[in-house]
Amino acid sequence: MKVVEVTEAADRLSECIQEAQRERILVTRGGRPAALITGIEGYDLEDILLASDPSFWQMIQERRQEESIDRDEILRRLAAAPSDTEE
């Protein structure tokens, strides 16, 4: 991980963004961590927005606490369900 002072990052922002596609850049202010620049080229906008949304992660955490259904149970339920093509 590369470390740069905030003034250097500001002066070289375009270069820092390019470098961040290869490795994360820790931006410091007075020697203390202030920000992290992470490259996101190649990611979908929707994925980026979801990954940074606290309510999305809260929903994921809640769903993980719920009881899950194993594969065999899903297949059994699907086999028992009426088909859309049946009349």
N, C-alpha and C. Protein backbone atom coordinates (compact mmCIF):
# COMPACT_ATOMS: atom_id res chain seq x y z
N MET A 1 0.85 -1.17 0.00
CA MET A 1 0.00 0.00 0.00
C MET A 1 0.89 1.23 0.00
N LYS A 2 0.58 2.13 -0.90
CA LYS A 2 1.34 3.38 -0.99
C LYS A 2 0.77 4.39 0.00
N VAL A 3 1.62 5.22 0.58
CA VAL A 3 1.20 6.25 1.53
C VAL A 3 1.64 7.60 0.99
N VAL A 4 0.70 8.55 0.92
CA VAL A 4 1.02 9.91 0.47
C VAL A 4 0.37 10.92 1.40
N GLU A 5 1.01 12.04 1.56
CA GLU A 5 0.47 13.15 2.34
C GLU A 5 -0.64 13.82 1.53
N VAL A 6 -1.62 14.37 2.21
CA VAL A 6 -2.79 14.95 1.54
C VAL A 6 -2.41 16.03 0.53
N THR A 7 -1.39 16.83 0.82
CA THR A 7 -0.99 17.88 -0.12
C THR A 7 -0.44 17.27 -1.41
N GLU A 8 0.33 16.18 -1.27
CA GLU A 8 0.85 15.50 -2.46
C GLU A 8 -0.29 14.86 -3.25
N ALA A 9 -1.23 14.25 -2.55
CA ALA A 9 -2.38 13.62 -3.22
C ALA A 9 -3.18 14.67 -3.99
N ALA A 10 -3.36 15.84 -3.40
CA ALA A 10 -4.11 16.90 -4.07
C ALA A 10 -3.37 17.39 -5.31
N ASP A 11 -2.07 17.54 -5.20
CA ASP A 11 -1.27 17.99 -6.35
C ASP A 11 -1.23 16.96 -7.47
N ARG A 12 -1.32 15.68 -7.11
CA ARG A 12 -1.18 14.60 -8.09
C ARG A 12 -2.43 13.73 -8.14
N LEU A 13 -3.62 14.32 -7.99
CA LEU A 13 -4.84 13.55 -7.88
C LEU A 13 -5.06 12.59 -9.04
N SER A 14 -4.89 13.08 -10.26
CA SER A 14 -5.09 12.22 -11.43
C SER A 14 -4.14 11.02 -11.41
N GLU A 15 -2.89 11.26 -11.07
CA GLU A 15 -1.91 10.16 -10.99
C GLU A 15 -2.27 9.19 -9.86
N CYS A 16 -2.72 9.73 -8.73
CA CYS A 16 -3.11 8.87 -7.61
C CYS A 16 -4.28 7.97 -7.99
N ILE A 17 -5.23 8.50 -8.74
CA ILE A 17 -6.37 7.70 -9.17
C ILE A 17 -5.91 6.57 -10.09
N GLN A 18 -5.00 6.88 -10.99
CA GLN A 18 -4.46 5.83 -11.87
C GLN A 18 -3.71 4.77 -11.06
N GLU A 19 -2.89 5.21 -10.13
CA GLU A 19 -2.13 4.27 -9.29
C GLU A 19 -3.06 3.42 -8.42
N ALA A 20 -4.17 4.01 -7.99
CA ALA A 20 -5.11 3.30 -7.12
C ALA A 20 -5.78 2.13 -7.82
N GLN A 21 -5.73 2.10 -9.14
CA GLN A 21 -6.28 0.95 -9.87
C GLN A 21 -5.40 -0.29 -9.67
N ARG A 22 -4.16 -0.08 -9.29
CA ARG A 22 -3.21 -1.18 -9.07
C ARG A 22 -3.00 -1.50 -7.59
N GLU A 23 -2.98 -0.45 -6.75
CA GLU A 23 -2.80 -0.65 -5.32
C GLU A 23 -3.48 0.48 -4.56
N ARG A 24 -3.93 0.17 -3.37
CA ARG A 24 -4.59 1.19 -2.55
C ARG A 24 -3.59 2.26 -2.14
N ILE A 25 -4.12 3.47 -1.97
CA ILE A 25 -3.28 4.58 -1.54
C ILE A 25 -3.85 5.15 -0.25
N LEU A 26 -3.04 5.14 0.79
CA LEU A 26 -3.43 5.72 2.07
C LEU A 26 -3.02 7.19 2.06
N VAL A 27 -3.97 8.07 2.27
CA VAL A 27 -3.69 9.50 2.31
C VAL A 27 -3.62 9.91 3.78
N THR A 28 -2.52 10.59 4.12
CA THR A 28 -2.33 11.02 5.50
C THR A 28 -2.37 12.54 5.60
N ARG A 29 -2.72 12.99 6.79
CA ARG A 29 -2.69 14.43 7.09
C ARG A 29 -1.90 14.56 8.39
N GLY A 30 -0.74 15.18 8.30
CA GLY A 30 0.11 15.30 9.48
C GLY A 30 0.59 13.96 10.00
N GLY A 31 0.78 13.00 9.08
CA GLY A 31 1.26 11.69 9.46
C GLY A 31 0.18 10.73 9.96
N ARG A 32 -1.07 11.19 10.02
CA ARG A 32 -2.16 10.34 10.50
C ARG A 32 -3.08 9.99 9.34
N PRO A 33 -3.59 8.77 9.30
CA PRO A 33 -4.49 8.36 8.21
C PRO A 33 -5.69 9.29 8.10
N ALA A 34 -5.99 9.71 6.86
CA ALA A 34 -7.12 10.61 6.62
C ALA A 34 -8.10 10.03 5.60
N ALA A 35 -7.60 9.27 4.63
CA ALA A 35 -8.47 8.72 3.59
C ALA A 35 -7.77 7.54 2.92
N LEU A 36 -8.56 6.77 2.22
CA LEU A 36 -8.03 5.64 1.46
C LEU A 36 -8.57 5.76 0.04
N ILE A 37 -7.67 5.75 -0.93
CA ILE A 37 -8.09 5.79 -2.34
C ILE A 37 -8.00 4.37 -2.88
N THR A 38 -9.13 3.88 -3.38
CA THR A 38 -9.21 2.53 -3.91
C THR A 38 -9.73 2.60 -5.33
N GLY A 39 -9.05 1.96 -6.26
CA GLY A 39 -9.50 1.94 -7.64
C GLY A 39 -10.76 1.12 -7.80
N ILE A 40 -11.67 1.60 -8.63
CA ILE A 40 -12.93 0.88 -8.84
C ILE A 40 -13.24 0.68 -10.32
N GLU A 41 -12.27 0.93 -11.18
CA GLU A 41 -12.50 0.69 -12.61
C GLU A 41 -12.87 -0.76 -12.82
N GLY A 42 -13.86 -1.00 -13.66
CA GLY A 42 -14.28 -2.36 -13.96
C GLY A 42 -15.44 -2.83 -13.10
N TYR A 43 -15.81 -2.08 -12.08
CA TYR A 43 -16.95 -2.45 -11.25
C TYR A 43 -18.21 -1.77 -11.79
N ASP A 44 -19.36 -2.40 -11.58
CA ASP A 44 -20.63 -1.79 -11.95
C ASP A 44 -20.99 -0.73 -10.92
N LEU A 45 -21.62 0.35 -11.39
CA LEU A 45 -22.03 1.43 -10.49
C LEU A 45 -22.95 0.89 -9.39
N GLU A 46 -23.88 0.02 -9.75
CA GLU A 46 -24.82 -0.52 -8.76
C GLU A 46 -24.07 -1.29 -7.66
N ASP A 47 -23.07 -2.07 -8.03
CA ASP A 47 -22.28 -2.81 -7.04
C ASP A 47 -21.55 -1.86 -6.09
N ILE A 48 -21.02 -0.79 -6.63
CA ILE A 48 -20.29 0.19 -5.81
C ILE A 48 -21.24 0.87 -4.84
N LEU A 49 -22.42 1.26 -5.34
CA LEU A 49 -23.39 1.93 -4.47
C LEU A 49 -23.88 1.00 -3.37
N LEU A 50 -24.16 -0.26 -3.71
CA LEU A 50 -24.61 -1.21 -2.69
C LEU A 50 -23.52 -1.47 -1.66
N ALA A 51 -22.30 -1.64 -2.11
CA ALA A 51 -21.19 -1.94 -1.20
C ALA A 51 -20.94 -0.82 -0.20
N SER A 52 -21.34 0.39 -0.54
CA SER A 52 -21.10 1.52 0.36
C SER A 52 -22.37 1.95 1.10
N ASP A 53 -23.44 1.16 1.01
CA ASP A 53 -24.72 1.50 1.64
C ASP A 53 -24.89 0.72 2.95
N PRO A 54 -24.84 1.41 4.09
CA PRO A 54 -24.98 0.71 5.38
C PRO A 54 -26.29 -0.07 5.51
N SER A 55 -27.37 0.42 4.92
CA SER A 55 -28.65 -0.29 5.03
C SER A 55 -28.61 -1.62 4.28
N PHE A 56 -27.85 -1.69 3.19
CA PHE A 56 -27.69 -2.94 2.46
C PHE A 56 -26.99 -3.97 3.36
N TRP A 57 -25.91 -3.56 4.02
CA TRP A 57 -25.17 -4.48 4.88
C TRP A 57 -25.98 -4.87 6.11
N GLN A 58 -26.83 -3.97 6.59
CA GLN A 58 -27.72 -4.31 7.70
C GLN A 58 -28.70 -5.40 7.26
N MET A 59 -29.26 -5.27 6.04
CA MET A 59 -30.17 -6.27 5.51
C MET A 59 -29.45 -7.62 5.37
N ILE A 60 -28.22 -7.61 4.87
CA ILE A 60 -27.45 -8.84 4.72
C ILE A 60 -27.25 -9.51 6.08
N GLN A 61 -26.88 -8.72 7.08
CA GLN A 61 -26.67 -9.26 8.42
C GLN A 61 -27.95 -9.88 8.97
N GLU A 62 -29.09 -9.20 8.78
CA GLU A 62 -30.37 -9.73 9.25
C GLU A 62 -30.72 -11.04 8.54
N ARG A 63 -30.51 -11.10 7.24
CA ARG A 63 -30.83 -12.31 6.48
C ARG A 63 -29.95 -13.48 6.90
N ARG A 64 -28.70 -13.21 7.23
CA ARG A 64 -27.79 -14.28 7.65
C ARG A 64 -28.20 -14.88 8.99
N GLN A 65 -28.94 -14.13 9.78
CA GLN A 65 -29.39 -14.63 11.07
C GLN A 65 -30.66 -15.47 10.94
N GLU A 66 -31.34 -15.38 9.80
CA GLU A 66 -32.55 -16.17 9.57
C GLU A 66 -32.18 -17.61 9.27
N GLU A 67 -33.13 -18.49 9.51
CA GLU A 67 -32.92 -19.90 9.21
C GLU A 67 -32.83 -20.08 7.70
N SER A 68 -31.88 -20.88 7.27
CA SER A 68 -31.70 -21.10 5.83
C SER A 68 -32.37 -22.41 5.41
N ILE A 69 -32.54 -22.56 4.11
CA ILE A 69 -33.13 -23.76 3.53
C ILE A 69 -32.04 -24.43 2.70
N ASP A 70 -31.84 -25.73 2.93
CA ASP A 70 -30.80 -26.41 2.16
C ASP A 70 -31.30 -26.77 0.75
N ARG A 71 -30.38 -27.15 -0.08
CA ARG A 71 -30.66 -27.42 -1.49
C ARG A 71 -31.72 -28.49 -1.67
N ASP A 72 -31.64 -29.57 -0.90
CA ASP A 72 -32.60 -30.67 -1.04
C ASP A 72 -34.03 -30.20 -0.73
N GLU A 73 -34.16 -29.34 0.28
CA GLU A 73 -35.48 -28.81 0.63
C GLU A 73 -36.03 -27.92 -0.49
N ILE A 74 -35.18 -27.11 -1.08
CA ILE A 74 -35.61 -26.26 -2.20
C ILE A 74 -36.09 -27.13 -3.35
N LEU A 75 -35.32 -28.16 -3.70
CA LEU A 75 -35.71 -29.05 -4.80
C LEU A 75 -37.03 -29.77 -4.49
N ARG A 76 -37.22 -30.19 -3.24
CA ARG A 76 -38.46 -30.85 -2.85
C ARG A 76 -39.65 -29.90 -3.01
N ARG A 77 -39.48 -28.65 -2.58
CA ARG A 77 -40.56 -27.66 -2.70
C ARG A 77 -40.87 -27.35 -4.16
N LEU A 78 -39.82 -27.25 -4.97
CA LEU A 78 -40.04 -26.98 -6.40
C LEU A 78 -40.76 -28.13 -7.08
N ALA A 79 -40.42 -29.35 -6.72
CA ALA A 79 -41.07 -30.52 -7.31
C ALA A 79 -42.54 -30.59 -6.91
N ALA A 80 -42.87 -30.13 -5.71
CA ALA A 80 -44.25 -30.18 -5.22
C ALA A 80 -45.10 -29.02 -5.72
N ALA A 81 -44.46 -27.95 -6.18
CA ALA A 81 -45.20 -26.76 -6.64
C ALA A 81 -45.85 -27.03 -7.98
N PRO A 82 -47.06 -26.47 -8.19
CA PRO A 82 -47.71 -26.63 -9.50
C PRO A 82 -46.90 -25.93 -10.59
N SER A 83 -46.87 -26.52 -11.75
CA SER A 83 -46.12 -25.96 -12.87
C SER A 83 -46.95 -24.88 -13.55
N ASP A 84 -46.28 -23.86 -14.10
CA ASP A 84 -46.97 -22.81 -14.86
C ASP A 84 -47.55 -23.35 -16.15
N THR A 85 -47.01 -24.44 -16.64
CA THR A 85 -47.47 -25.00 -17.92
C THR A 85 -48.62 -25.97 -17.75
N GLU A 86 -48.91 -26.37 -16.50
CA GLU A 86 -50.03 -27.28 -16.27
C GLU A 86 -51.34 -26.53 -16.37
N GLU A 87 -52.36 -27.23 -16.89
CA GLU A 87 -53.68 -26.60 -16.99
C GLU A 87 -54.70 -27.38 -16.24
